[in-house]
Structure formats: structure tokens, C-alpha cells
Amino acid sequence: MALAVHTESVLHGMIDSFELPGARLYGVNSGDGIESRPAPCLLAQHPDVYELLESPTSGLARMFDAAAVVTTGWAAPLDENGEVRGAPSEHAQRRRVRLVVLVANSGVASVLRFADEPDDIVTDPGSATGSLAEAIERFWFDPPVDHAVV
């Protein structure tokens, strides 16, 4: 979680937007401590986060200690069943959000910020579920797919 929070903080200083044209993939090294951690290295970006994670060039992230995926979009409050009714972008209480998901051999952690409260963060030490969480798990932990033509 500490590496995810540090990485998100560095990216927050680098990315002055809550409306990116697509998802971004960064390589991240853990370093010897907070002071010695290098800045995340931008490896790729794509309008679709799932295609970004499946791209052969995204395999470059494995040269680093961890990978960080950055996305922006709309978030809406959950109902009593823990779900969002309808599209978050159409909800009356929608909020712009930037999500940073960090994945390393030790697991997945995420940090998000809302545009209307940019000084506050919300963290998740790996309990997220859903299609993005599954895609990130596959991206890091499944063996790479060989795209060579035989």
C-alpha cells in the first residue's frame, strides 16, 4: 500500500487532470525507501484500459518492480445493495475521479482522488472486485501470451 500511495502522489504532481484521453500504464520501481524511489515511467497509453493491458508492448512493465494503471472517469454513490444504478456519468451525484491501481508480485492496491476534493485520497489494499480488477490480475500474474506468428 505504501508504494501505491507514494506512486499516486508522484503521479498527482505529474498529471494535472481528471479527464485523460485514455488509460496510462507506468513502470514503477520500489527503491530502497520513499526518498529513493524513482518517478514512474510512462510505458503506454490507450483509449481502452482493457486493450492497453492486453497490448504486447505493455509487457514492458514486467521490467519494473510494479506497474501502475491510471484511469479517469465518473463515479457515483452506491445504492443500498452496493451497486450504482445506471451509468455513473448520468447520476445526479456523479463526481470526476482519477484511479491509480498498482500491481506487484505482492498484490494489488489502489488509490483514487476526486476532482472536487483533490487533496484527499481513498485507498484500497486489494479488495476491489470487477472486470478491471480481474484484468489487472491477469495482466501481472498470468504468463505472457506469445504473439509471434508461426
N, C-alpha and C. Protein backbone atom coordinates (compact mmCIF):
# COMPACT_ATOMS: atom_id res chain seq x y z
N MET A 1 0.83 -1.19 0.00
CA MET A 1 0.00 0.00 0.00
C MET A 1 0.87 1.26 0.00
N ALA A 2 1.99 1.20 0.70
CA ALA A 2 2.87 2.38 0.78
C ALA A 2 3.39 2.76 -0.60
N LEU A 3 3.78 1.76 -1.41
CA LEU A 3 4.27 2.06 -2.75
C LEU A 3 3.16 2.64 -3.62
N ALA A 4 1.94 2.14 -3.46
CA ALA A 4 0.80 2.66 -4.23
C ALA A 4 0.53 4.12 -3.86
N VAL A 5 0.54 4.44 -2.58
CA VAL A 5 0.28 5.82 -2.14
C VAL A 5 1.39 6.74 -2.63
N HIS A 6 2.64 6.30 -2.52
CA HIS A 6 3.75 7.12 -3.00
C HIS A 6 3.65 7.34 -4.51
N THR A 7 3.39 6.28 -5.25
CA THR A 7 3.29 6.38 -6.71
C THR A 7 2.16 7.32 -7.11
N GLU A 8 1.02 7.18 -6.47
CA GLU A 8 -0.12 8.05 -6.79
C GLU A 8 0.23 9.50 -6.48
N SER A 9 0.94 9.74 -5.39
CA SER A 9 1.32 11.10 -5.03
C SER A 9 2.24 11.72 -6.09
N VAL A 10 3.20 10.95 -6.58
CA VAL A 10 4.09 11.43 -7.64
C VAL A 10 3.28 11.70 -8.90
N LEU A 11 2.41 10.77 -9.26
CA LEU A 11 1.58 10.95 -10.47
C LEU A 11 0.64 12.14 -10.32
N HIS A 12 0.14 12.37 -9.11
CA HIS A 12 -0.74 13.52 -8.88
C HIS A 12 -0.01 14.82 -9.21
N GLY A 13 1.28 14.87 -8.91
CA GLY A 13 2.07 16.05 -9.24
C GLY A 13 2.37 16.16 -10.73
N MET A 14 2.34 15.02 -11.44
CA MET A 14 2.65 14.99 -12.87
C MET A 14 1.41 15.17 -13.75
N ILE A 15 0.28 14.69 -13.27
CA ILE A 15 -0.95 14.69 -14.08
C ILE A 15 -1.91 15.72 -13.49
N ASP A 16 -2.11 16.79 -14.18
CA ASP A 16 -2.98 17.86 -13.70
C ASP A 16 -4.35 17.77 -14.36
N SER A 17 -4.95 16.56 -14.31
CA SER A 17 -6.24 16.39 -14.97
C SER A 17 -7.00 15.22 -14.36
N PHE A 18 -8.30 15.33 -14.40
CA PHE A 18 -9.18 14.24 -14.03
C PHE A 18 -9.97 13.79 -15.26
N GLU A 19 -9.47 14.20 -16.45
CA GLU A 19 -10.09 13.81 -17.72
C GLU A 19 -9.00 13.49 -18.73
N LEU A 20 -8.43 12.31 -18.61
CA LEU A 20 -7.41 11.87 -19.55
C LEU A 20 -8.07 11.28 -20.79
N PRO A 21 -7.40 11.36 -21.95
CA PRO A 21 -7.99 10.79 -23.18
C PRO A 21 -7.96 9.26 -23.21
N GLY A 22 -7.31 8.66 -22.25
CA GLY A 22 -7.25 7.20 -22.19
C GLY A 22 -6.50 6.75 -20.95
N ALA A 23 -6.39 5.44 -20.81
CA ALA A 23 -5.67 4.87 -19.68
C ALA A 23 -4.17 4.94 -19.95
N ARG A 24 -3.40 5.01 -18.89
CA ARG A 24 -1.95 5.06 -18.98
C ARG A 24 -1.35 3.93 -18.16
N LEU A 25 -0.24 3.40 -18.64
CA LEU A 25 0.49 2.36 -17.94
C LEU A 25 1.88 2.88 -17.63
N TYR A 26 2.27 2.77 -16.37
CA TYR A 26 3.58 3.21 -15.91
C TYR A 26 4.34 2.03 -15.32
N GLY A 27 5.65 2.03 -15.49
CA GLY A 27 6.51 1.11 -14.78
C GLY A 27 6.96 1.80 -13.51
N VAL A 28 7.05 1.04 -12.41
CA VAL A 28 7.38 1.61 -11.10
C VAL A 28 8.44 0.73 -10.44
N ASN A 29 9.50 1.35 -9.94
CA ASN A 29 10.48 0.63 -9.14
C ASN A 29 10.30 1.00 -7.68
N SER A 30 10.51 0.03 -6.81
CA SER A 30 10.23 0.25 -5.39
C SER A 30 11.32 1.04 -4.69
N GLY A 31 12.57 0.97 -5.12
CA GLY A 31 13.65 1.71 -4.47
C GLY A 31 13.93 1.18 -3.08
N ASP A 32 14.79 1.90 -2.36
CA ASP A 32 15.19 1.48 -1.01
C ASP A 32 14.38 2.16 0.08
N GLY A 33 13.50 3.04 -0.29
CA GLY A 33 12.70 3.79 0.68
C GLY A 33 11.98 4.90 -0.06
N ILE A 34 11.08 5.60 0.63
CA ILE A 34 10.29 6.66 0.00
C ILE A 34 11.19 7.68 -0.70
N GLU A 35 12.28 8.10 -0.05
CA GLU A 35 13.13 9.14 -0.61
C GLU A 35 13.86 8.68 -1.87
N SER A 36 14.15 7.39 -2.00
CA SER A 36 14.95 6.92 -3.12
C SER A 36 14.13 6.32 -4.26
N ARG A 37 12.83 6.39 -4.18
CA ARG A 37 12.00 5.81 -5.24
C ARG A 37 12.01 6.71 -6.47
N PRO A 38 12.35 6.13 -7.63
CA PRO A 38 12.33 6.94 -8.85
C PRO A 38 10.90 7.24 -9.29
N ALA A 39 10.79 8.22 -10.16
CA ALA A 39 9.47 8.58 -10.69
C ALA A 39 8.95 7.45 -11.57
N PRO A 40 7.63 7.26 -11.60
CA PRO A 40 7.06 6.26 -12.50
C PRO A 40 7.42 6.59 -13.95
N CYS A 41 7.61 5.56 -14.75
CA CYS A 41 8.00 5.71 -16.16
C CYS A 41 6.81 5.38 -17.06
N LEU A 42 6.35 6.35 -17.86
CA LEU A 42 5.23 6.12 -18.76
C LEU A 42 5.65 5.13 -19.84
N LEU A 43 4.91 4.03 -19.95
CA LEU A 43 5.22 2.98 -20.92
C LEU A 43 4.27 2.98 -22.11
N ALA A 44 2.99 3.23 -21.86
CA ALA A 44 1.99 3.16 -22.93
C ALA A 44 0.72 3.84 -22.50
N GLN A 45 -0.10 4.19 -23.47
CA GLN A 45 -1.44 4.67 -23.18
C GLN A 45 -2.36 4.24 -24.31
N HIS A 46 -3.63 4.12 -23.98
CA HIS A 46 -4.63 3.66 -24.95
C HIS A 46 -5.99 4.15 -24.50
N PRO A 47 -6.89 4.47 -25.42
CA PRO A 47 -8.23 4.91 -25.03
C PRO A 47 -9.01 3.85 -24.22
N ASP A 48 -8.67 2.57 -24.40
CA ASP A 48 -9.38 1.50 -23.70
C ASP A 48 -8.42 0.79 -22.75
N VAL A 49 -8.72 0.83 -21.46
CA VAL A 49 -7.82 0.25 -20.46
C VAL A 49 -7.61 -1.25 -20.66
N TYR A 50 -8.64 -1.96 -21.12
CA TYR A 50 -8.51 -3.40 -21.31
C TYR A 50 -7.59 -3.72 -22.49
N GLU A 51 -7.71 -2.96 -23.56
CA GLU A 51 -6.81 -3.15 -24.70
C GLU A 51 -5.38 -2.76 -24.33
N LEU A 52 -5.24 -1.73 -23.50
CA LEU A 52 -3.92 -1.34 -23.01
C LEU A 52 -3.26 -2.50 -22.28
N LEU A 53 -3.99 -3.13 -21.38
CA LEU A 53 -3.43 -4.22 -20.58
C LEU A 53 -3.12 -5.46 -21.43
N GLU A 54 -3.84 -5.64 -22.53
CA GLU A 54 -3.63 -6.80 -23.40
C GLU A 54 -2.59 -6.53 -24.50
N SER A 55 -2.15 -5.31 -24.64
CA SER A 55 -1.19 -4.95 -25.69
C SER A 55 0.16 -5.62 -25.42
N PRO A 56 0.79 -6.16 -26.46
CA PRO A 56 2.12 -6.77 -26.28
C PRO A 56 3.15 -5.80 -25.70
N THR A 57 3.07 -4.51 -26.04
CA THR A 57 4.04 -3.55 -25.52
C THR A 57 3.88 -3.31 -24.02
N SER A 58 2.72 -3.62 -23.48
CA SER A 58 2.51 -3.45 -22.04
C SER A 58 3.33 -4.44 -21.22
N GLY A 59 3.84 -5.48 -21.88
CA GLY A 59 4.71 -6.43 -21.20
C GLY A 59 5.99 -5.78 -20.69
N LEU A 60 6.32 -4.59 -21.21
CA LEU A 60 7.49 -3.86 -20.72
C LEU A 60 7.40 -3.59 -19.22
N ALA A 61 6.20 -3.55 -18.69
CA ALA A 61 6.02 -3.27 -17.26
C ALA A 61 6.70 -4.32 -16.40
N ARG A 62 6.87 -5.53 -16.93
CA ARG A 62 7.49 -6.60 -16.15
C ARG A 62 8.99 -6.36 -15.92
N MET A 63 9.56 -5.36 -16.56
CA MET A 63 10.96 -4.99 -16.32
C MET A 63 11.08 -4.17 -15.04
N PHE A 64 9.96 -3.78 -14.46
CA PHE A 64 9.92 -2.96 -13.25
C PHE A 64 9.45 -3.80 -12.08
N ASP A 65 9.56 -3.24 -10.89
CA ASP A 65 9.08 -3.93 -9.70
C ASP A 65 7.56 -3.99 -9.64
N ALA A 66 6.92 -3.03 -10.28
CA ALA A 66 5.45 -2.93 -10.25
C ALA A 66 4.98 -2.17 -11.48
N ALA A 67 3.69 -2.22 -11.71
CA ALA A 67 3.06 -1.45 -12.78
C ALA A 67 1.93 -0.63 -12.17
N ALA A 68 1.73 0.56 -12.70
CA ALA A 68 0.63 1.41 -12.26
C ALA A 68 -0.25 1.71 -13.47
N VAL A 69 -1.54 1.52 -13.31
CA VAL A 69 -2.52 1.84 -14.34
C VAL A 69 -3.30 3.06 -13.85
N VAL A 70 -3.39 4.07 -14.70
CA VAL A 70 -4.09 5.31 -14.34
C VAL A 70 -5.28 5.47 -15.29
N THR A 71 -6.45 5.66 -14.72
CA THR A 71 -7.65 5.92 -15.50
C THR A 71 -8.42 7.07 -14.85
N THR A 72 -9.24 7.73 -15.65
CA THR A 72 -10.12 8.77 -15.13
C THR A 72 -11.53 8.46 -15.60
N GLY A 73 -12.50 9.02 -14.91
CA GLY A 73 -13.88 8.80 -15.32
C GLY A 73 -14.84 9.38 -14.30
N TRP A 74 -16.04 8.85 -14.32
CA TRP A 74 -17.09 9.28 -13.41
C TRP A 74 -17.32 8.22 -12.34
N ALA A 75 -17.62 8.67 -11.14
CA ALA A 75 -18.01 7.78 -10.05
C ALA A 75 -19.34 8.28 -9.52
N ALA A 76 -20.13 7.37 -8.99
CA ALA A 76 -21.43 7.73 -8.42
C ALA A 76 -21.61 6.94 -7.12
N PRO A 77 -22.43 7.44 -6.21
CA PRO A 77 -22.64 6.73 -4.95
C PRO A 77 -23.31 5.37 -5.17
N LEU A 78 -22.99 4.44 -4.29
CA LEU A 78 -23.58 3.11 -4.34
C LEU A 78 -24.95 3.13 -3.67
N ASP A 79 -25.85 2.27 -4.16
CA ASP A 79 -27.16 2.15 -3.53
C ASP A 79 -27.07 1.20 -2.33
N GLU A 80 -28.21 0.88 -1.75
CA GLU A 80 -28.24 0.02 -0.56
C GLU A 80 -27.73 -1.40 -0.82
N ASN A 81 -27.67 -1.81 -2.09
CA ASN A 81 -27.15 -3.14 -2.46
C ASN A 81 -25.67 -3.08 -2.85
N GLY A 82 -25.04 -1.91 -2.70
CA GLY A 82 -23.64 -1.78 -3.06
C GLY A 82 -23.40 -1.65 -4.55
N GLU A 83 -24.40 -1.20 -5.30
CA GLU A 83 -24.28 -1.06 -6.74
C GLU A 83 -24.65 0.36 -7.17
N VAL A 84 -24.20 0.72 -8.36
CA VAL A 84 -24.58 2.01 -8.95
C VAL A 84 -25.71 1.74 -9.92
N ARG A 85 -26.80 2.46 -9.79
CA ARG A 85 -27.92 2.31 -10.72
C ARG A 85 -27.69 3.20 -11.92
N GLY A 86 -27.59 2.57 -13.09
CA GLY A 86 -27.37 3.33 -14.32
C GLY A 86 -25.92 3.72 -14.49
N ALA A 87 -25.67 4.51 -15.50
CA ALA A 87 -24.31 4.95 -15.80
C ALA A 87 -23.88 6.01 -14.79
N PRO A 88 -22.70 5.87 -14.20
CA PRO A 88 -22.22 6.89 -13.26
C PRO A 88 -22.19 8.28 -13.88
N SER A 89 -21.89 8.38 -15.18
CA SER A 89 -21.81 9.68 -15.84
C SER A 89 -23.15 10.40 -15.91
N GLU A 90 -24.24 9.67 -15.71
CA GLU A 90 -25.58 10.27 -15.77
C GLU A 90 -26.20 10.45 -14.39
N HIS A 91 -25.52 10.03 -13.35
CA HIS A 91 -26.06 10.11 -11.99
C HIS A 91 -26.05 11.57 -11.51
N ALA A 92 -27.07 11.96 -10.79
CA ALA A 92 -27.17 13.34 -10.29
C ALA A 92 -26.02 13.70 -9.33
N GLN A 93 -25.47 12.71 -8.64
CA GLN A 93 -24.39 12.96 -7.68
C GLN A 93 -23.03 12.47 -8.20
N ARG A 94 -22.86 12.46 -9.51
CA ARG A 94 -21.61 11.99 -10.09
C ARG A 94 -20.44 12.90 -9.72
N ARG A 95 -19.25 12.29 -9.71
CA ARG A 95 -18.02 13.01 -9.41
C ARG A 95 -16.91 12.52 -10.33
N ARG A 96 -16.05 13.44 -10.78
CA ARG A 96 -14.89 13.06 -11.57
C ARG A 96 -13.88 12.39 -10.64
N VAL A 97 -13.25 11.33 -11.14
CA VAL A 97 -12.32 10.56 -10.33
C VAL A 97 -11.10 10.18 -11.17
N ARG A 98 -9.95 10.10 -10.51
CA ARG A 98 -8.75 9.54 -11.12
C ARG A 98 -8.31 8.37 -10.24
N LEU A 99 -8.15 7.22 -10.88
CA LEU A 99 -7.82 5.98 -10.19
C LEU A 99 -6.42 5.53 -10.59
N VAL A 100 -5.62 5.20 -9.59
CA VAL A 100 -4.30 4.61 -9.81
C VAL A 100 -4.33 3.23 -9.18
N VAL A 101 -4.10 2.21 -10.00
CA VAL A 101 -4.05 0.83 -9.50
C VAL A 101 -2.62 0.36 -9.67
N LEU A 102 -2.01 -0.05 -8.57
CA LEU A 102 -0.65 -0.55 -8.60
C LEU A 102 -0.67 -2.06 -8.39
N VAL A 103 0.07 -2.77 -9.23
CA VAL A 103 0.16 -4.22 -9.10
C VAL A 103 1.64 -4.61 -9.06
N ALA A 104 1.95 -5.51 -8.14
CA ALA A 104 3.30 -6.03 -7.98
C ALA A 104 3.18 -7.49 -7.55
N ASN A 105 4.29 -8.17 -7.43
CA ASN A 105 4.24 -9.57 -7.02
C ASN A 105 3.54 -9.75 -5.68
N SER A 106 3.56 -8.73 -4.84
CA SER A 106 2.92 -8.82 -3.52
C SER A 106 1.41 -8.58 -3.57
N GLY A 107 0.87 -8.16 -4.71
CA GLY A 107 -0.57 -7.97 -4.83
C GLY A 107 -0.94 -6.66 -5.50
N VAL A 108 -2.19 -6.27 -5.29
CA VAL A 108 -2.78 -5.11 -5.95
C VAL A 108 -3.25 -4.12 -4.88
N ALA A 109 -3.05 -2.85 -5.14
CA ALA A 109 -3.56 -1.79 -4.27
C ALA A 109 -4.00 -0.63 -5.15
N SER A 110 -4.97 0.13 -4.69
CA SER A 110 -5.42 1.26 -5.49
C SER A 110 -5.60 2.51 -4.64
N VAL A 111 -5.45 3.64 -5.32
CA VAL A 111 -5.61 4.95 -4.70
C VAL A 111 -6.42 5.80 -5.67
N LEU A 112 -7.42 6.48 -5.14
CA LEU A 112 -8.19 7.37 -6.01
C LEU A 112 -8.35 8.73 -5.39
N ARG A 113 -8.57 9.70 -6.27
CA ARG A 113 -8.83 11.09 -5.88
C ARG A 113 -10.04 11.57 -6.66
N PHE A 114 -10.81 12.41 -6.00
CA PHE A 114 -11.94 13.06 -6.66
C PHE A 114 -11.54 14.48 -7.03
N ALA A 115 -12.01 14.94 -8.18
CA ALA A 115 -11.67 16.28 -8.65
C ALA A 115 -12.15 17.36 -7.70
N ASP A 116 -13.28 17.13 -7.03
CA ASP A 116 -13.82 18.15 -6.12
C ASP A 116 -13.16 18.13 -4.74
N GLU A 117 -12.31 17.14 -4.45
CA GLU A 117 -11.55 17.07 -3.20
C GLU A 117 -10.15 16.55 -3.51
N PRO A 118 -9.37 17.28 -4.33
CA PRO A 118 -8.10 16.76 -4.83
C PRO A 118 -7.02 16.55 -3.78
N ASP A 119 -7.20 17.08 -2.58
CA ASP A 119 -6.19 16.89 -1.54
C ASP A 119 -6.41 15.63 -0.72
N ASP A 120 -7.52 14.95 -0.93
CA ASP A 120 -7.85 13.74 -0.18
C ASP A 120 -7.71 12.52 -1.07
N ILE A 121 -7.26 11.42 -0.48
CA ILE A 121 -7.18 10.17 -1.22
C ILE A 121 -8.03 9.10 -0.54
N VAL A 122 -8.44 8.13 -1.32
CA VAL A 122 -9.15 6.96 -0.83
C VAL A 122 -8.31 5.76 -1.26
N THR A 123 -7.98 4.89 -0.31
CA THR A 123 -7.12 3.76 -0.63
C THR A 123 -7.88 2.44 -0.49
N ASP A 124 -7.38 1.46 -1.23
CA ASP A 124 -7.92 0.10 -1.15
C ASP A 124 -6.74 -0.86 -1.24
N PRO A 125 -6.51 -1.65 -0.19
CA PRO A 125 -5.36 -2.55 -0.18
C PRO A 125 -5.56 -3.86 -0.93
N GLY A 126 -6.41 -3.87 -1.94
CA GLY A 126 -6.55 -5.05 -2.76
C GLY A 126 -7.88 -5.76 -2.69
N SER A 127 -8.89 -5.14 -2.13
CA SER A 127 -10.20 -5.80 -2.02
C SER A 127 -11.13 -5.48 -3.18
N ALA A 128 -10.67 -4.69 -4.15
CA ALA A 128 -11.52 -4.32 -5.29
C ALA A 128 -11.90 -5.57 -6.10
N THR A 129 -13.10 -5.54 -6.65
CA THR A 129 -13.58 -6.63 -7.50
C THR A 129 -14.08 -6.03 -8.81
N GLY A 130 -14.38 -6.87 -9.75
CA GLY A 130 -14.93 -6.41 -11.01
C GLY A 130 -13.99 -6.65 -12.17
N SER A 131 -14.42 -6.22 -13.34
CA SER A 131 -13.68 -6.53 -14.57
C SER A 131 -12.29 -5.89 -14.61
N LEU A 132 -12.14 -4.66 -14.11
CA LEU A 132 -10.82 -4.03 -14.13
C LEU A 132 -9.88 -4.74 -13.17
N ALA A 133 -10.35 -5.07 -11.98
CA ALA A 133 -9.51 -5.79 -11.02
C ALA A 133 -9.05 -7.13 -11.60
N GLU A 134 -9.96 -7.83 -12.26
CA GLU A 134 -9.61 -9.12 -12.86
C GLU A 134 -8.61 -8.94 -14.01
N ALA A 135 -8.80 -7.91 -14.82
CA ALA A 135 -7.89 -7.66 -15.95
C ALA A 135 -6.48 -7.34 -15.45
N ILE A 136 -6.38 -6.58 -14.38
CA ILE A 136 -5.07 -6.22 -13.84
C ILE A 136 -4.39 -7.44 -13.23
N GLU A 137 -5.15 -8.27 -12.56
CA GLU A 137 -4.60 -9.52 -12.01
C GLU A 137 -4.05 -10.40 -13.15
N ARG A 138 -4.84 -10.57 -14.22
CA ARG A 138 -4.39 -11.37 -15.36
C ARG A 138 -3.14 -10.77 -15.98
N PHE A 139 -3.15 -9.45 -16.15
CA PHE A 139 -2.03 -8.75 -16.77
C PHE A 139 -0.72 -9.05 -16.05
N TRP A 140 -0.73 -9.02 -14.74
CA TRP A 140 0.52 -9.16 -13.99
C TRP A 140 0.86 -10.62 -13.67
N PHE A 141 -0.13 -11.40 -13.30
CA PHE A 141 0.14 -12.73 -12.77
C PHE A 141 0.05 -13.87 -13.78
N ASP A 142 -0.68 -13.68 -14.88
CA ASP A 142 -0.76 -14.75 -15.89
C ASP A 142 0.49 -14.70 -16.78
N PRO A 143 0.91 -15.85 -17.28
CA PRO A 143 2.08 -15.83 -18.16
C PRO A 143 1.79 -15.01 -19.42
N PRO A 144 2.82 -14.32 -19.95
CA PRO A 144 2.61 -13.52 -21.16
C PRO A 144 2.17 -14.41 -22.32
N VAL A 145 1.35 -13.83 -23.18
CA VAL A 145 0.89 -14.51 -24.38
C VAL A 145 1.91 -14.26 -25.49
N ASP A 146 2.31 -15.32 -26.17
CA ASP A 146 3.26 -15.17 -27.28
C ASP A 146 2.47 -14.78 -28.53
N HIS A 147 2.74 -13.58 -29.03
CA HIS A 147 2.03 -13.07 -30.20
C HIS A 147 2.78 -13.33 -31.50
N ALA A 148 3.82 -14.15 -31.43
CA ALA A 148 4.60 -14.44 -32.64
C ALA A 148 3.77 -15.28 -33.61
N VAL A 149 3.96 -15.01 -34.89
CA VAL A 149 3.28 -15.78 -35.94
C VAL A 149 4.19 -16.93 -36.31
N VAL A 150 3.62 -18.13 -36.35
CA VAL A 150 4.41 -19.33 -36.68
C VAL A 150 4.22 -19.68 -38.13
